[in-house]
Amino acid sequence: RAHAAGHEVMLHMPMEPFDGRQADARALPVGSPAETVRRRLDAALAALPRATGVNNHQGSRYTADAASIDTFMRALAAQPRPYFFVDSRTTAATRAYRSALDHGIAAAERHVFIDAQRGRSAVRAGWQRWLAHARRTGNAVAIVHPYPESLALLEAELPRLRALGFELVPPSALLDEPRRLSVRATSTTGRQAR
C-alpha cells in the first residue's frame, strides 16, 4: 500500500545491538559469515520486493564492527538491482554510512530520532530538533516510530510543513553518492593517461 501511494519503501534490517537483552530475534549477529549475511539479506529483500533502500534496525554493535558492516555492504552492493542505505546511527561508533559509500552504495545518515524518548512533550521536542536541524543545514533525515503519540504528532504537523517553509522529501532525495575514484597513470615516456 505504501508503494501504491507513491512512498518509498525501505527494508528495516535487524542487526545486533550492544545490549543483547534488547535484540530483535532476527538480528544479524556480529561476525556472521558472508554466506549467512547474503542469504538473510536476500530473504528479507524478497519479502519486501518494493523496497528501494535499507536501513539498520538496532545494530549498535553490528554497525560499529568494521568487518561485519563491510560484509553486509558487500552483500547489499552485490544485489541484482541497486539499493540505497540510510544509517540509523544507533551508536556514535557506527561505520555503516562510510562503509556503504566505500562499497559504491548511495547513503545518508539519520540526524534526529523524533521519538527517542516516549511521551507527547518529548516527541514534540524531537520534532522541533528535526526542524531546527533542517533550518540550520538545509536538510535533515529523521526516524520516527509508530507509537500513538508519534503518529498523533505527525498527523497534526505534517500538513503544516510547507507553510513553515519545509518540503518533505523521500530519503533518496538526501543521499550522498559514493565517490568515483580517478586513476592517473604515467607511461615510461612521461605522458599521462587518464
C-alpha atoms as a PDB file:
ATOM      1  CA  ARG A   1       0.000   0.000   0.000  1.00  0.00           C
ATOM      2  CA  ALA A   2       2.863   2.399   0.750  1.00  0.00           C
ATOM      3  CA  HIS A   3       4.350   1.840  -2.702  1.00  0.00           C
ATOM      4  CA  ALA A   4       0.938   2.240  -4.358  1.00  0.00           C
ATOM      5  CA  ALA A   5       0.530   5.559  -2.527  1.00  0.00           C
ATOM      6  CA  GLY A   6       3.802   6.810  -4.014  1.00  0.00           C
ATOM      7  CA  HIS A   7       6.014   6.340  -0.948  1.00  0.00           C
ATOM      8  CA  GLU A   8       9.481   4.850  -0.881  1.00  0.00           C
ATOM      9  CA  VAL A   9       9.680   1.512   0.856  1.00  0.00           C
ATOM     10  CA  MET A  10      12.744   0.570   2.881  1.00  0.00           C
ATOM     11  CA  LEU A  11      13.859  -2.680   4.444  1.00  0.00           C
ATOM     12  CA  HIS A  12      14.438  -2.140   8.192  1.00  0.00           C
ATOM     13  CA  MET A  13      17.173  -4.791   8.602  1.00  0.00           C
ATOM     14  CA  PRO A  14      17.635  -6.100  12.171  1.00  0.00           C
ATOM     15  CA  MET A  15      21.264  -6.068  13.347  1.00  0.00           C
ATOM     16  CA  GLU A  16      22.867  -6.923  16.678  1.00  0.00           C
ATOM     17  CA  PRO A  17      22.766  -4.170  19.343  1.00  0.00           C
ATOM     18  CA  PHE A  18      25.241  -3.723  22.199  1.00  0.00           C
ATOM     19  CA  ASP A  19      22.514  -4.697  24.673  1.00  0.00           C
ATOM     20  CA  GLY A  20      21.744  -8.300  23.776  1.00  0.00           C
ATOM     21  CA  ARG A  21      18.680  -8.294  26.054  1.00  0.00           C
ATOM     22  CA  GLN A  22      17.041  -5.797  23.672  1.00  0.00           C
ATOM     23  CA  ALA A  23      17.985  -7.645  20.465  1.00  0.00           C
ATOM     24  CA  ASP A  24      15.436  -8.452  17.799  1.00  0.00           C
ATOM     25  CA  ALA A  25      15.343 -12.248  17.373  1.00  0.00           C
ATOM     26  CA  ARG A  26      16.087 -11.806  13.647  1.00  0.00           C
ATOM     27  CA  ALA A  27      19.142  -9.566  14.210  1.00  0.00           C
ATOM     28  CA  LEU A  28      22.279 -10.301  12.197  1.00  0.00           C
ATOM     29  CA  PRO A  29      24.972 -11.222  14.737  1.00  0.00           C
ATOM     30  CA  VAL A  30      28.440  -9.673  14.617  1.00  0.00           C
ATOM     31  CA  GLY A  31      30.853 -11.971  12.800  1.00  0.00           C
ATOM     32  CA  SER A  32      28.229 -13.755  10.693  1.00  0.00           C
ATOM     33  CA  PRO A  33      29.770 -15.494   7.688  1.00  0.00           C
ATOM     34  CA  ALA A  34      29.329 -13.741   4.341  1.00  0.00           C
ATOM     35  CA  GLU A  35      27.070 -16.525   3.039  1.00  0.00           C
ATOM     36  CA  THR A  36      24.746 -16.199   6.055  1.00  0.00           C
ATOM     37  CA  VAL A  37      24.542 -12.429   5.616  1.00  0.00           C
ATOM     38  CA  ARG A  38      23.833 -12.771   1.887  1.00  0.00           C
ATOM     39  CA  ARG A  39      21.162 -15.421   2.437  1.00  0.00           C
ATOM     40  CA  ARG A  40      19.379 -13.428   5.168  1.00  0.00           C
ATOM     41  CA  LEU A  41      19.553 -10.182   3.203  1.00  0.00           C
ATOM     42  CA  ASP A  42      18.250 -11.911   0.061  1.00  0.00           C
ATOM     43  CA  ALA A  43      15.323 -13.393   2.030  1.00  0.00           C
ATOM     44  CA  ALA A  44      14.466 -10.051   3.644  1.00  0.00           C
ATOM     45  CA  LEU A  45      14.545  -8.206   0.309  1.00  0.00           C
ATOM     46  CA  ALA A  46      12.470 -10.945  -1.353  1.00  0.00           C
ATOM     47  CA  ALA A  47       9.847 -10.488   1.384  1.00  0.00           C
ATOM     48  CA  LEU A  48       9.725  -6.758   0.590  1.00  0.00           C
ATOM     49  CA  PRO A  49      10.000  -6.615  -3.222  1.00  0.00           C
ATOM     50  CA  ARG A  50       9.063  -2.914  -3.479  1.00  0.00           C
ATOM     51  CA  ALA A  51      11.965  -1.818  -1.278  1.00  0.00           C
ATOM     52  CA  THR A  52      14.431   0.611  -2.827  1.00  0.00           C
ATOM     53  CA  GLY A  53      16.533   1.216   0.274  1.00  0.00           C
ATOM     54  CA  VAL A  54      17.705  -0.358   3.503  1.00  0.00           C
ATOM     55  CA  ASN A  55      18.395   0.927   6.991  1.00  0.00           C
ATOM     56  CA  ASN A  56      19.501  -0.784  10.175  1.00  0.00           C
ATOM     57  CA  HIS A  57      17.064  -1.747  12.934  1.00  0.00           C
ATOM     58  CA  GLN A  58      19.026  -1.535  16.191  1.00  0.00           C
ATOM     59  CA  GLY A  59      22.529  -2.617  15.168  1.00  0.00           C
ATOM     60  CA  SER A  60      24.684  -0.545  17.509  1.00  0.00           C
ATOM     61  CA  ARG A  61      27.187  -3.403  17.922  1.00  0.00           C
ATOM     62  CA  TYR A  62      26.926  -4.621  14.321  1.00  0.00           C
ATOM     63  CA  THR A  63      27.349  -1.219  12.651  1.00  0.00           C
ATOM     64  CA  ALA A  64      30.341  -0.398  14.890  1.00  0.00           C
ATOM     65  CA  ASP A  65      32.126  -3.594  13.846  1.00  0.00           C
ATOM     66  CA  ALA A  66      34.083  -2.807  10.670  1.00  0.00           C
ATOM     67  CA  ALA A  67      34.313  -6.402   9.406  1.00  0.00           C
ATOM     68  CA  SER A  68      30.614  -7.138   9.984  1.00  0.00           C
ATOM     69  CA  ILE A  69      29.255  -3.973   8.378  1.00  0.00           C
ATOM     70  CA  ASP A  70      31.639  -4.374   5.424  1.00  0.00           C
ATOM     71  CA  THR A  71      30.343  -7.936   4.941  1.00  0.00           C
ATOM     72  CA  PHE A  72      26.789  -6.599   4.933  1.00  0.00           C
ATOM     73  CA  MET A  73      27.581  -3.789   2.481  1.00  0.00           C
ATOM     74  CA  ARG A  74      29.309  -6.212   0.101  1.00  0.00           C
ATOM     75  CA  ALA A  75      26.127  -8.318   0.101  1.00  0.00           C
ATOM     76  CA  LEU A  76      23.962  -5.240  -0.479  1.00  0.00           C
ATOM     77  CA  ALA A  77      26.214  -3.960  -3.285  1.00  0.00           C
ATOM     78  CA  ALA A  78      26.060  -7.387  -4.969  1.00  0.00           C
ATOM     79  CA  GLN A  79      22.255  -7.327  -5.279  1.00  0.00           C
ATOM     80  CA  PRO A  80      20.952  -7.518  -8.859  1.00  0.00           C
ATOM     81  CA  ARG A  81      19.487  -4.021  -8.551  1.00  0.00           C
ATOM     82  CA  PRO A  82      20.822  -1.042  -6.611  1.00  0.00           C
ATOM     83  CA  TYR A  83      19.595  -0.150  -3.142  1.00  0.00           C
ATOM     84  CA  PHE A  84      20.462   2.897  -1.061  1.00  0.00           C
ATOM     85  CA  PHE A  85      21.337   2.729   2.635  1.00  0.00           C
ATOM     86  CA  VAL A  86      20.353   5.029   5.499  1.00  0.00           C
ATOM     87  CA  ASP A  87      22.473   4.660   8.624  1.00  0.00           C
ATOM     88  CA  SER A  88      20.110   4.850  11.601  1.00  0.00           C
ATOM     89  CA  ARG A  89      23.087   5.898  13.756  1.00  0.00           C
ATOM     90  CA  THR A  90      22.117   3.842  16.768  1.00  0.00           C
ATOM     91  CA  THR A  91      25.656   4.422  18.065  1.00  0.00           C
ATOM     92  CA  ALA A  92      28.177   7.217  17.650  1.00  0.00           C
ATOM     93  CA  ALA A  93      30.708   4.495  16.745  1.00  0.00           C
ATOM     94  CA  THR A  94      28.789   3.428  13.623  1.00  0.00           C
ATOM     95  CA  ARG A  95      30.752   2.719  10.460  1.00  0.00           C
ATOM     96  CA  ALA A  96      27.705   1.959   8.304  1.00  0.00           C
ATOM     97  CA  TYR A  97      27.443   5.220   6.335  1.00  0.00           C
ATOM     98  CA  ARG A  98      31.146   5.252   5.415  1.00  0.00           C
ATOM     99  CA  SER A  99      31.080   1.526   4.593  1.00  0.00           C
ATOM    100  CA  ALA A 100      28.094   1.990   2.277  1.00  0.00           C
ATOM    101  CA  LEU A 101      29.870   4.734   0.332  1.00  0.00           C
ATOM    102  CA  ASP A 102      33.090   2.711   0.233  1.00  0.00           C
ATOM    103  CA  HIS A 103      31.155  -0.174  -1.359  1.00  0.00           C
ATOM    104  CA  GLY A 104      29.562   2.026  -4.024  1.00  0.00           C
ATOM    105  CA  ILE A 105      26.174   2.400  -2.306  1.00  0.00           C
ATOM    106  CA  ALA A 106      24.440   5.789  -2.154  1.00  0.00           C
ATOM    107  CA  ALA A 107      23.853   6.581   1.512  1.00  0.00           C
ATOM    108  CA  ALA A 108      22.534   9.021   4.095  1.00  0.00           C
ATOM    109  CA  GLU A 109      22.663   9.311   7.872  1.00  0.00           C
ATOM    110  CA  ARG A 110      19.869   9.859  10.368  1.00  0.00           C
ATOM    111  CA  HIS A 111      20.123  13.250  12.053  1.00  0.00           C
ATOM    112  CA  VAL A 112      17.260  13.083  14.575  1.00  0.00           C
ATOM    113  CA  PHE A 113      15.227  10.373  16.295  1.00  0.00           C
ATOM    114  CA  ILE A 114      11.989  12.301  16.741  1.00  0.00           C
ATOM    115  CA  ASP A 115      10.756   9.927  19.432  1.00  0.00           C
ATOM    116  CA  ALA A 116      13.973   8.769  21.073  1.00  0.00           C
ATOM    117  CA  GLN A 117      12.056   9.454  24.288  1.00  0.00           C
ATOM    118  CA  ARG A 118       8.400   8.494  24.673  1.00  0.00           C
ATOM    119  CA  GLY A 119       5.636  10.912  25.658  1.00  0.00           C
ATOM    120  CA  ARG A 120       3.922  13.828  23.933  1.00  0.00           C
ATOM    121  CA  SER A 121       6.274  16.571  25.133  1.00  0.00           C
ATOM    122  CA  ALA A 122       9.401  14.528  24.329  1.00  0.00           C
ATOM    123  CA  VAL A 123       8.115  13.730  20.836  1.00  0.00           C
ATOM    124  CA  ARG A 124       7.255  17.396  20.240  1.00  0.00           C
ATOM    125  CA  ALA A 125      10.796  18.345  21.349  1.00  0.00           C
ATOM    126  CA  GLY A 126      12.214  15.784  18.892  1.00  0.00           C
ATOM    127  CA  TRP A 127      10.065  17.281  16.141  1.00  0.00           C
ATOM    128  CA  GLN A 128      11.453  20.741  16.925  1.00  0.00           C
ATOM    129  CA  ARG A 129      15.044  19.390  16.874  1.00  0.00           C
ATOM    130  CA  TRP A 130      14.368  17.946  13.414  1.00  0.00           C
ATOM    131  CA  LEU A 131      13.053  21.253  12.075  1.00  0.00           C
ATOM    132  CA  ALA A 132      15.928  23.193  13.677  1.00  0.00           C
ATOM    133  CA  HIS A 133      18.484  20.879  12.067  1.00  0.00           C
ATOM    134  CA  ALA A 134      16.829  21.300   8.662  1.00  0.00           C
ATOM    135  CA  ARG A 135      16.824  25.099   9.054  1.00  0.00           C
ATOM    136  CA  ARG A 136      20.470  25.137  10.087  1.00  0.00           C
ATOM    137  CA  THR A 137      21.856  22.734   7.447  1.00  0.00           C
ATOM    138  CA  GLY A 138      19.297  22.720   4.649  1.00  0.00           C
ATOM    139  CA  ASN A 139      18.160  19.128   5.180  1.00  0.00           C
ATOM    140  CA  ALA A 140      17.528  16.598   7.918  1.00  0.00           C
ATOM    141  CA  VAL A 141      16.820  12.879   7.956  1.00  0.00           C
ATOM    142  CA  ALA A 142      14.563  11.797  10.804  1.00  0.00           C
ATOM    143  CA  ILE A 143      13.394   8.465  12.143  1.00  0.00           C
ATOM    144  CA  VAL A 144      10.105   8.137  13.979  1.00  0.00           C
ATOM    145  CA  HIS A 145       8.365   5.046  15.339  1.00  0.00           C
ATOM    146  CA  PRO A 146       4.666   4.134  15.099  1.00  0.00           C
ATOM    147  CA  TYR A 147       3.951   4.987  18.741  1.00  0.00           C
ATOM    148  CA  PRO A 148       0.492   6.513  19.322  1.00  0.00           C
ATOM    149  CA  GLU A 149       1.921   9.874  20.440  1.00  0.00           C
ATOM    150  CA  SER A 150       4.283   9.953  17.425  1.00  0.00           C
ATOM    151  CA  LEU A 151       1.504   9.190  14.954  1.00  0.00           C
ATOM    152  CA  ALA A 152      -0.712  11.868  16.530  1.00  0.00           C
ATOM    153  CA  LEU A 153       2.054  14.448  16.175  1.00  0.00           C
ATOM    154  CA  LEU A 154       2.710  13.510  12.539  1.00  0.00           C
ATOM    155  CA  GLU A 155      -0.976  13.698  11.693  1.00  0.00           C
ATOM    156  CA  ALA A 156      -1.192  17.194  13.180  1.00  0.00           C
ATOM    157  CA  GLU A 157       2.135  18.622  11.984  1.00  0.00           C
ATOM    158  CA  LEU A 158       2.940  17.137   8.570  1.00  0.00           C
ATOM    159  CA  PRO A 159       0.213  19.136   6.763  1.00  0.00           C
ATOM    160  CA  ARG A 160       1.749  22.357   8.141  1.00  0.00           C
ATOM    161  CA  LEU A 161       5.313  21.782   6.934  1.00  0.00           C
ATOM    162  CA  ARG A 162       5.004  23.626   3.620  1.00  0.00           C
ATOM    163  CA  ALA A 163       3.514  26.701   5.293  1.00  0.00           C
ATOM    164  CA  LEU A 164       6.516  26.704   7.649  1.00  0.00           C
ATOM    165  CA  GLY A 165       8.893  26.692   4.666  1.00  0.00           C
ATOM    166  CA  PHE A 166       9.827  22.996   4.622  1.00  0.00           C
ATOM    167  CA  GLU A 167       9.492  20.358   1.935  1.00  0.00           C
ATOM    168  CA  LEU A 168       9.041  16.729   2.944  1.00  0.00           C
ATOM    169  CA  VAL A 169      11.108  14.527   0.617  1.00  0.00           C
ATOM    170  CA  PRO A 170      11.814  10.796   0.447  1.00  0.00           C
ATOM    171  CA  PRO A 171      15.123   9.509   1.800  1.00  0.00           C
ATOM    172  CA  SER A 172      16.507   9.017  -1.714  1.00  0.00           C
ATOM    173  CA  ALA A 173      16.431  12.805  -2.222  1.00  0.00           C
ATOM    174  CA  LEU A 174      19.066  13.274   0.503  1.00  0.00           C
ATOM    175  CA  LEU A 175      21.607  10.624  -0.437  1.00  0.00           C
ATOM    176  CA  ASP A 176      25.330  11.132  -0.771  1.00  0.00           C
ATOM    177  CA  GLU A 177      26.727   9.381  -3.812  1.00  0.00           C
ATOM    178  CA  PRO A 178      29.805   7.194  -3.476  1.00  0.00           C
ATOM    179  CA  ARG A 179      32.996   8.867  -4.600  1.00  0.00           C
ATOM    180  CA  ARG A 180      34.187   7.763  -8.006  1.00  0.00           C
ATOM    181  CA  LEU A 181      37.909   7.262  -7.961  1.00  0.00           C
ATOM    182  CA  SER A 182      40.029   8.534 -10.826  1.00  0.00           C
ATOM    183  CA  VAL A 183      43.267   6.801 -11.630  1.00  0.00           C
ATOM    184  CA  ARG A 184      46.130   8.549 -13.345  1.00  0.00           C
ATOM    185  CA  ALA A 185      48.992   6.522 -14.775  1.00  0.00           C
ATOM    186  CA  THR A 186      52.255   7.840 -16.144  1.00  0.00           C
ATOM    187  CA  SER A 187      53.856   5.946 -19.008  1.00  0.00           C
ATOM    188  CA  THR A 188      57.594   5.477 -19.404  1.00  0.00           C
ATOM    189  CA  THR A 189      57.569   8.328 -21.918  1.00  0.00           C
ATOM    190  CA  GLY A 190      56.296  10.704 -19.261  1.00  0.00           C
ATOM    191  CA  ARG A 191      52.863  11.187 -20.866  1.00  0.00           C
ATOM    192  CA  GLN A 192      49.857  10.930 -18.589  1.00  0.00           C
ATOM    193  CA  ALA A 193      46.825   8.818 -19.334  1.00  0.00           C
ATOM    194  CA  ARG A 194      43.514   9.042 -17.512  1.00  0.00           C
END
